[in-house]
C-alpha atoms as a PDB file:
ATOM      1  CA  MET A   1      74.649  33.899  20.904  1.00  0.00           C
ATOM      2  CA  PRO A   2      77.801  36.034  20.470  1.00  0.00           C
ATOM      3  CA  LYS A   3      79.520  35.923  17.108  1.00  0.00           C
ATOM      4  CA  PRO A   4      83.203  35.008  16.877  1.00  0.00           C
ATOM      5  CA  ARG A   5      85.454  37.841  15.839  1.00  0.00           C
ATOM      6  CA  LYS A   6      88.515  37.628  13.669  1.00  0.00           C
ATOM      7  CA  GLU A   7      91.747  38.551  15.351  1.00  0.00           C
ATOM      8  CA  HIS A   8      93.202  41.979  14.580  1.00  0.00           C
ATOM      9  CA  PHE A   9      96.318  42.385  12.453  1.00  0.00           C
ATOM     10  CA  PRO A  10      98.354  45.441  11.552  1.00  0.00           C
ATOM     11  CA  ILE A  11      97.069  47.279   8.483  1.00  0.00           C
ATOM     12  CA  LEU A  12      99.603  45.646   6.198  1.00  0.00           C
ATOM     13  CA  LEU A  13      98.189  42.202   7.068  1.00  0.00           C
ATOM     14  CA  LEU A  14      94.482  43.002   6.987  1.00  0.00           C
ATOM     15  CA  MET A  15      94.166  41.691   3.467  1.00  0.00           C
ATOM     16  CA  ALA A  16      95.636  38.387   4.566  1.00  0.00           C
ATOM     17  CA  VAL A  17      92.823  38.057   7.076  1.00  0.00           C
ATOM     18  CA  ALA A  18      90.385  38.682   4.239  1.00  0.00           C
ATOM     19  CA  LEU A  19      91.624  35.496   2.611  1.00  0.00           C
ATOM     20  CA  SER A  20      89.316  33.627   4.951  1.00  0.00           C
ATOM     21  CA  GLU A  21      86.449  35.093   2.953  1.00  0.00           C
ATOM     22  CA  LEU A  22      88.013  33.782  -0.250  1.00  0.00           C
ATOM     23  CA  ALA A  23      88.566  30.257   1.024  1.00  0.00           C
ATOM     24  CA  LEU A  24      86.990  27.206  -0.490  1.00  0.00           C
ATOM     25  CA  PRO A  25      83.325  26.322   0.157  1.00  0.00           C
ATOM     26  CA  ALA A  26      82.363  24.799   3.474  1.00  0.00           C
ATOM     27  CA  GLU A  27      82.330  21.287   2.023  1.00  0.00           C
ATOM     28  CA  ALA A  28      86.039  21.664   1.211  1.00  0.00           C
ATOM     29  CA  GLN A  29      86.865  22.041   4.892  1.00  0.00           C
ATOM     30  CA  ALA A  30      88.373  18.979   6.512  1.00  0.00           C
ATOM     31  CA  GLY A  31      89.425  17.787   9.891  1.00  0.00           C
ATOM     32  CA  PRO A  32      93.160  18.165  10.472  1.00  0.00           C
ATOM     33  CA  ASN A  33      95.480  15.191  10.213  1.00  0.00           C
ATOM     34  CA  VAL A  34      97.461  14.147  13.299  1.00  0.00           C
ATOM     35  CA  SER A  35     100.368  16.534  12.639  1.00  0.00           C
ATOM     36  CA  GLN A  36      98.083  19.464  11.862  1.00  0.00           C
ATOM     37  CA  GLN A  37      96.049  18.799  15.002  1.00  0.00           C
ATOM     38  CA  GLN A  38      99.280  18.728  16.994  1.00  0.00           C
ATOM     39  CA  LEU A  39     100.255  22.097  15.532  1.00  0.00           C
ATOM     40  CA  ALA A  40      96.881  23.548  16.537  1.00  0.00           C
ATOM     41  CA  SER A  41      97.168  22.046  20.032  1.00  0.00           C
ATOM     42  CA  ASN A  42     100.702  23.398  20.470  1.00  0.00           C
ATOM     43  CA  TYR A  43      99.578  26.814  19.221  1.00  0.00           C
ATOM     44  CA  MET A  44      96.684  26.944  21.676  1.00  0.00           C
ATOM     45  CA  ALA A  45      98.915  25.823  24.535  1.00  0.00           C
ATOM     46  CA  ALA A  46     101.448  28.536  23.696  1.00  0.00           C
ATOM     47  CA  VAL A  47      98.996  31.430  23.367  1.00  0.00           C
ATOM     48  CA  ARG A  48      97.069  30.449  26.491  1.00  0.00           C
ATOM     49  CA  ALA A  49     100.305  30.241  28.459  1.00  0.00           C
ATOM     50  CA  LYS A  50     101.683  33.455  26.894  1.00  0.00           C
ATOM     51  CA  ASP A  51     104.661  31.348  25.832  1.00  0.00           C
ATOM     52  CA  ARG A  52     106.672  33.262  23.233  1.00  0.00           C
ATOM     53  CA  ALA A  53     109.291  30.532  22.934  1.00  0.00           C
ATOM     54  CA  GLY A  54     106.521  28.036  22.299  1.00  0.00           C
ATOM     55  CA  LEU A  55     105.142  30.200  19.493  1.00  0.00           C
ATOM     56  CA  GLN A  56     108.592  30.620  18.001  1.00  0.00           C
ATOM     57  CA  ALA A  57     109.019  26.839  17.878  1.00  0.00           C
ATOM     58  CA  LEU A  58     105.924  26.567  15.665  1.00  0.00           C
ATOM     59  CA  LEU A  59     107.380  28.720  12.869  1.00  0.00           C
ATOM     60  CA  HIS A  60     108.641  26.913   9.811  1.00  0.00           C
ATOM     61  CA  PRO A  61     112.456  26.607  10.006  1.00  0.00           C
ATOM     62  CA  LYS A  62     112.839  28.728   6.853  1.00  0.00           C
ATOM     63  CA  VAL A  63     110.678  31.467   8.409  1.00  0.00           C
ATOM     64  CA  ALA A  64     112.666  31.298  11.631  1.00  0.00           C
ATOM     65  CA  ALA A  65     115.845  31.643   9.575  1.00  0.00           C
ATOM     66  CA  CYS A  66     114.700  34.936   8.053  1.00  0.00           C
ATOM     67  CA  GLN A  67     114.425  36.568  11.478  1.00  0.00           C
ATOM     68  CA  SER A  68     117.143  39.034  12.365  1.00  0.00           C
ATOM     69  CA  ALA A  69     117.718  42.159  14.401  1.00  0.00           C
ATOM     70  CA  SER A  70     116.280  44.207  11.533  1.00  0.00           C
ATOM     71  CA  THR A  71     113.047  42.176  11.303  1.00  0.00           C
ATOM     72  CA  ARG A  72     112.599  41.469  15.017  1.00  0.00           C
ATOM     73  CA  GLU A  73     109.945  44.158  15.536  1.00  0.00           C
ATOM     74  CA  TYR A  74     107.785  42.669  12.760  1.00  0.00           C
ATOM     75  CA  PHE A  75     107.882  39.166  14.217  1.00  0.00           C
ATOM     76  CA  ASP A  76     107.417  40.483  17.756  1.00  0.00           C
ATOM     77  CA  TYR A  77     104.299  42.286  16.572  1.00  0.00           C
ATOM     78  CA  LEU A  78     102.904  39.093  15.059  1.00  0.00           C
ATOM     79  CA  ALA A  79     103.607  37.251  18.310  1.00  0.00           C
ATOM     80  CA  ASN A  80     101.916  39.997  20.339  1.00  0.00           C
ATOM     81  CA  GLN A  81      98.851  39.746  18.126  1.00  0.00           C
ATOM     82  CA  SER A  82      98.720  35.991  18.661  1.00  0.00           C
ATOM     83  CA  LEU A  83      99.071  36.322  22.432  1.00  0.00           C
ATOM     84  CA  GLY A  84      96.382  38.988  22.545  1.00  0.00           C
ATOM     85  CA  ASN A  85      93.777  37.096  20.518  1.00  0.00           C
ATOM     86  CA  VAL A  86      93.143  33.694  22.038  1.00  0.00           C
ATOM     87  CA  PRO A  87      90.187  31.446  21.085  1.00  0.00           C
ATOM     88  CA  GLN A  88      88.184  30.743  24.221  1.00  0.00           C
ATOM     89  CA  GLY A  89      86.591  27.576  25.556  1.00  0.00           C
ATOM     90  CA  ASN A  90      86.407  24.438  23.481  1.00  0.00           C
ATOM     91  CA  TYR A  91      87.810  25.163  20.055  1.00  0.00           C
ATOM     92  CA  LYS A  92      87.323  23.674  16.594  1.00  0.00           C
ATOM     93  CA  VAL A  93      90.125  23.102  14.098  1.00  0.00           C
ATOM     94  CA  THR A  94      89.589  22.967  10.338  1.00  0.00           C
ATOM     95  CA  VAL A  95      92.009  22.842   7.426  1.00  0.00           C
ATOM     96  CA  ARG A  96      91.537  24.072   3.873  1.00  0.00           C
ATOM     97  CA  PRO A  97      93.897  23.581   0.925  1.00  0.00           C
ATOM     98  CA  LEU A  98      95.178  26.754  -0.642  1.00  0.00           C
ATOM     99  CA  ALA A  99      95.037  27.268  -4.371  1.00  0.00           C
ATOM    100  CA  PRO A 100      98.129  26.209  -6.337  1.00  0.00           C
ATOM    101  CA  GLY A 101     100.813  28.819  -5.822  1.00  0.00           C
ATOM    102  CA  GLY A 102      99.721  29.598  -2.280  1.00  0.00           C
ATOM    103  CA  PRO A 103      97.872  32.646  -0.961  1.00  0.00           C
ATOM    104  CA  PRO A 104      97.205  35.560  -3.318  1.00  0.00           C
ATOM    105  CA  ALA A 105      99.875  38.263  -3.109  1.00  0.00           C
ATOM    106  CA  MET A 106      98.083  40.689  -0.791  1.00  0.00           C
ATOM    107  CA  LEU A 107     101.319  42.369   0.299  1.00  0.00           C
ATOM    108  CA  PRO A 108     103.855  44.016  -2.015  1.00  0.00           C
ATOM    109  CA  ALA A 109     105.698  41.067  -3.536  1.00  0.00           C
ATOM    110  CA  THR A 110     108.934  43.046  -3.738  1.00  0.00           C
ATOM    111  CA  MET A 111     108.819  43.723   0.022  1.00  0.00           C
ATOM    112  CA  PHE A 112     107.376  40.545   1.546  1.00  0.00           C
ATOM    113  CA  LYS A 113     108.289  37.091   0.270  1.00  0.00           C
ATOM    114  CA  TYR A 114     107.490  33.600   1.486  1.00  0.00           C
ATOM    115  CA  SER A 115     110.692  31.703   2.161  1.00  0.00           C
ATOM    116  CA  VAL A 116     108.541  28.581   1.928  1.00  0.00           C
ATOM    117  CA  GLN A 117     105.161  28.467   0.202  1.00  0.00           C
ATOM    118  CA  PRO A 118     102.209  27.635   2.494  1.00  0.00           C
ATOM    119  CA  THR A 119      99.911  24.946   1.145  1.00  0.00           C
ATOM    120  CA  GLN A 120      97.094  24.843   3.705  1.00  0.00           C
ATOM    121  CA  GLN A 121      94.988  27.251   5.754  1.00  0.00           C
ATOM    122  CA  LEU A 122      94.583  26.284   9.397  1.00  0.00           C
ATOM    123  CA  GLN A 123      91.592  27.824  11.187  1.00  0.00           C
ATOM    124  CA  ILE A 124      90.934  27.648  14.930  1.00  0.00           C
ATOM    125  CA  ASP A 125      87.459  28.772  15.993  1.00  0.00           C
ATOM    126  CA  GLY A 126      86.775  29.504  19.642  1.00  0.00           C
ATOM    127  CA  ASP A 127      83.576  28.493  21.384  1.00  0.00           C
ATOM    128  CA  VAL A 128      80.885  30.720  19.871  1.00  0.00           C
ATOM    129  CA  THR A 129      79.060  30.793  23.208  1.00  0.00           C
ATOM    130  CA  ALA A 130      82.056  32.486  24.859  1.00  0.00           C
ATOM    131  CA  ALA A 131      82.186  36.273  25.132  1.00  0.00           C
ATOM    132  CA  ASN A 132      84.358  37.869  22.436  1.00  0.00           C
ATOM    133  CA  SER A 133      85.063  34.539  20.783  1.00  0.00           C
ATOM    134  CA  VAL A 134      88.004  34.642  18.373  1.00  0.00           C
ATOM    135  CA  SER A 135      88.731  32.855  15.092  1.00  0.00           C
ATOM    136  CA  VAL A 136      92.421  32.491  14.241  1.00  0.00           C
ATOM    137  CA  ILE A 137      93.693  31.781  10.736  1.00  0.00           C
ATOM    138  CA  ARG A 138      97.231  30.688   9.946  1.00  0.00           C
ATOM    139  CA  PHE A 139      98.883  29.566   6.720  1.00  0.00           C
ATOM    140  CA  ILE A 140     100.928  26.420   7.154  1.00  0.00           C
ATOM    141  CA  ALA A 141     103.445  24.227   5.325  1.00  0.00           C
ATOM    142  CA  GLU A 142     104.917  20.793   5.930  1.00  0.00           C
ATOM    143  CA  GLN A 143     108.521  19.746   6.383  1.00  0.00           C
ATOM    144  CA  GLY A 144     109.765  16.358   7.457  1.00  0.00           C
ATOM    145  CA  GLY A 145     106.299  15.130   8.360  1.00  0.00           C
ATOM    146  CA  ARG A 146     105.591  18.118  10.618  1.00  0.00           C
ATOM    147  CA  TRP A 147     103.409  21.142   9.908  1.00  0.00           C
ATOM    148  CA  TYR A 148     104.568  24.663  10.692  1.00  0.00           C
ATOM    149  CA  ILE A 149     103.179  28.201  10.622  1.00  0.00           C
ATOM    150  CA  VAL A 150     104.381  30.351   7.718  1.00  0.00           C
ATOM    151  CA  TYR A 151     104.597  34.145   7.545  1.00  0.00           C
ATOM    152  CA  PRO A 152     105.997  36.224   4.677  1.00  0.00           C
ATOM    153  CA  CYS A 153     109.429  37.621   5.448  1.00  0.00           C
ATOM    154  CA  PRO A 154     110.032  41.366   4.959  1.00  0.00           C
ATOM    155  CA  ASN A 155     113.109  42.893   3.384  1.00  0.00           C
ATOM    156  CA  THR A 156     114.381  46.413   4.151  1.00  0.00           C
ATOM    157  CA  GLU A 157     111.612  48.061   2.139  1.00  0.00           C
ATOM    158  CA  GLY A 158     109.090  45.731   3.745  1.00  0.00           C
ATOM    159  CA  MET A 159     110.134  46.847   7.210  1.00  0.00           C
ATOM    160  CA  LYS A 160     109.764  50.478   6.135  1.00  0.00           C
ATOM    161  CA  TYR A 161     106.284  49.671   4.855  1.00  0.00           C
ATOM    162  CA  PHE A 162     105.499  47.903   8.135  1.00  0.00           C
ATOM    163  CA  HIS A 163     106.585  50.894  10.225  1.00  0.00           C
ATOM    164  CA  GLU A 164     104.627  53.339   8.071  1.00  0.00           C
ATOM    165  CA  ASN A 165     101.468  51.279   8.449  1.00  0.00           C
ATOM    166  CA  LEU A 166     101.938  50.931  12.199  1.00  0.00           C
ATOM    167  CA  ALA A 167     102.181  54.711  12.420  1.00  0.00           C
ATOM    168  CA  LYS A 168      98.964  55.064  10.406  1.00  0.00           C
ATOM    169  CA  GLN A 169      97.262  52.498  12.604  1.00  0.00           C
ATOM    170  CA  HIS A 170      98.330  54.403  15.717  1.00  0.00           C
ATOM    171  CA  GLN A 171      96.978  57.666  14.297  1.00  0.00           C
ATOM    172  CA  GLN A 172      93.671  56.031  13.409  1.00  0.00           C
ATOM    173  CA  GLN A 173      93.399  54.521  16.868  1.00  0.00           C
ATOM    174  CA  GLN A 174      94.030  57.883  18.521  1.00  0.00           C
ATOM    175  CA  ARG A 175      91.340  59.482  16.342  1.00  0.00           C
ATOM    176  CA  ALA A 176      88.902  56.678  17.171  1.00  0.00           C
ATOM    177  CA  GLN A 177      89.570  57.114  20.893  1.00  0.00           C
ATOM    178  CA  ALA A 178      88.848  60.842  20.596  1.00  0.00           C
ATOM    179  CA  LEU A 179      85.612  60.128  18.734  1.00  0.00           C
ATOM    180  CA  ALA A 180      84.577  57.479  21.269  1.00  0.00           C
ATOM    181  CA  ALA A 181      85.067  59.987  24.079  1.00  0.00           C
ATOM    182  CA  LYS A 182      82.585  62.296  22.346  1.00  0.00           C
ATOM    183  CA  VAL A 183      79.824  59.671  22.282  1.00  0.00           C
ATOM    184  CA  LYS A 184      77.509  60.882  25.056  1.00  0.00           C
ATOM    185  CA  GLY A 185      73.895  60.798  26.177  1.00  0.00           C
ATOM    186  CA  PRO A 186      71.240  58.713  24.417  1.00  0.00           C
ATOM    187  CA  LEU A 187      73.538  57.525  21.617  1.00  0.00           C
ATOM    188  CA  ARG A 188      76.087  56.138  24.064  1.00  0.00           C
ATOM    189  CA  ALA A 189      73.327  54.431  26.052  1.00  0.00           C
ATOM    190  CA  GLN A 190      71.876  52.897  22.891  1.00  0.00           C
ATOM    191  CA  LEU A 191      75.249  51.637  21.686  1.00  0.00           C
ATOM    192  CA  LYS A 192      76.099  50.204  25.086  1.00  0.00           C
ATOM    193  CA  SER A 193      72.728  48.455  25.194  1.00  0.00           C
ATOM    194  CA  LEU A 194      73.333  46.863  21.802  1.00  0.00           C
ATOM    195  CA  LEU A 195      76.811  45.731  22.856  1.00  0.00           C
ATOM    196  CA  LYS A 196      75.461  44.137  26.033  1.00  0.00           C
ATOM    197  CA  GLN A 197      73.077  42.208  23.792  1.00  0.00           C
ATOM    198  CA  GLU A 198      76.063  41.038  21.704  1.00  0.00           C
ATOM    199  CA  ARG A 199      74.721  43.038  18.734  1.00  0.00           C
ATOM    200  CA  LYS A 200      77.967  44.690  17.710  1.00  0.00           C
ATOM    201  CA  ILE A 201      77.086  44.906  14.020  1.00  0.00           C
ATOM    202  CA  ASP A 202      73.871  46.729  14.907  1.00  0.00           C
ATOM    203  CA  ALA A 203      75.881  49.068  17.134  1.00  0.00           C
ATOM    204  CA  VAL A 204      78.261  49.814  14.264  1.00  0.00           C
ATOM    205  CA  HIS A 205      75.363  50.603  11.935  1.00  0.00           C
ATOM    206  CA  LYS A 206      73.732  52.740  14.616  1.00  0.00           C
ATOM    207  CA  TYR A 207      76.913  54.776  15.065  1.00  0.00           C
ATOM    208  CA  GLN A 208      77.286  55.198  11.303  1.00  0.00           C
ATOM    209  CA  ALA A 209      73.704  56.389  10.939  1.00  0.00           C
ATOM    210  CA  ALA A 210      74.130  58.881  13.772  1.00  0.00           C
ATOM    211  CA  THR A 211      77.505  60.290  12.745  1.00  0.00           C
ATOM    212  CA  GLY A 212      78.063  59.532   9.059  1.00  0.00           C
ATOM    213  CA  ALA A 213      81.320  57.744   9.892  1.00  0.00           C
ATOM    214  CA  ASN A 214      82.757  55.215   7.470  1.00  0.00           C
ATOM    215  CA  LEU A 215      82.754  51.519   8.364  1.00  0.00           C
ATOM    216  CA  THR A 216      86.375  51.349   9.493  1.00  0.00           C
ATOM    217  CA  THR A 217      86.001  54.299  11.858  1.00  0.00           C
ATOM    218  CA  ALA A 218      82.678  52.995  13.196  1.00  0.00           C
ATOM    219  CA  LEU A 219      84.209  49.593  13.919  1.00  0.00           C
ATOM    220  CA  GLN A 220      87.106  51.170  15.795  1.00  0.00           C
ATOM    221  CA  VAL A 221      84.865  53.454  17.846  1.00  0.00           C
ATOM    222  CA  VAL A 222      82.446  50.664  18.752  1.00  0.00           C
ATOM    223  CA  ASP A 223      85.344  48.381  19.711  1.00  0.00           C
ATOM    224  CA  ILE A 224      86.609  51.087  22.081  1.00  0.00           C
ATOM    225  CA  LEU A 225      83.153  51.570  23.578  1.00  0.00           C
ATOM    226  CA  ASP A 226      82.834  47.817  23.980  1.00  0.00           C
ATOM    227  CA  SER A 227      86.002  47.711  26.084  1.00  0.00           C
ATOM    228  CA  THR A 228      85.174  50.862  28.087  1.00  0.00           C
ATOM    229  CA  PRO A 229      83.308  50.522  31.397  1.00  0.00           C
ATOM    230  CA  ASP A 230      79.924  52.251  31.610  1.00  0.00           C
END
């Protein structure tokens, strides 16, 4: 059975994804209330329809208010990530309360600030039997009886940080593509075989053992091989 994968974020948001590993124990998970379920349903409808306006409508009004010409690229990137990582098949929605004070400050607090503090973590898990199943995590907050998605808003220094990290991500991706192109012969066949068996973790370890690459590089190379035709 294939394992669900977490959606990809730019480097500056990778630590936010890691919050899922710091969430409360499984017994603390709960089914969403009516408004939270509606948010999840509206989110899924928007990403499956590639509806940017629909996604925009799900942002908390205070988050929407912090958008401007100077921050547009940041929010466009977040929307692109959402549209490119869609849970497949029947999906499951769970909600977890965040610790008092909201999520830990994984981004520079002087550069990225929450205009409204999220209080819950919304998780949407795709059907684990579907190929390349995705799990999506969003932080949410309530206003007027409705629940909304919350992102931290960047200031001028935050946008500079965002651009620098995008450039680093692009450089890393180019390097990974060059390394993937060098995977030939028996190693390529072995990695492809493991990927066809939905054993991506084993493929990553196999590539590391064969090349000495670090985990991040191995993950990137294997992801490229996974999306490359034989």
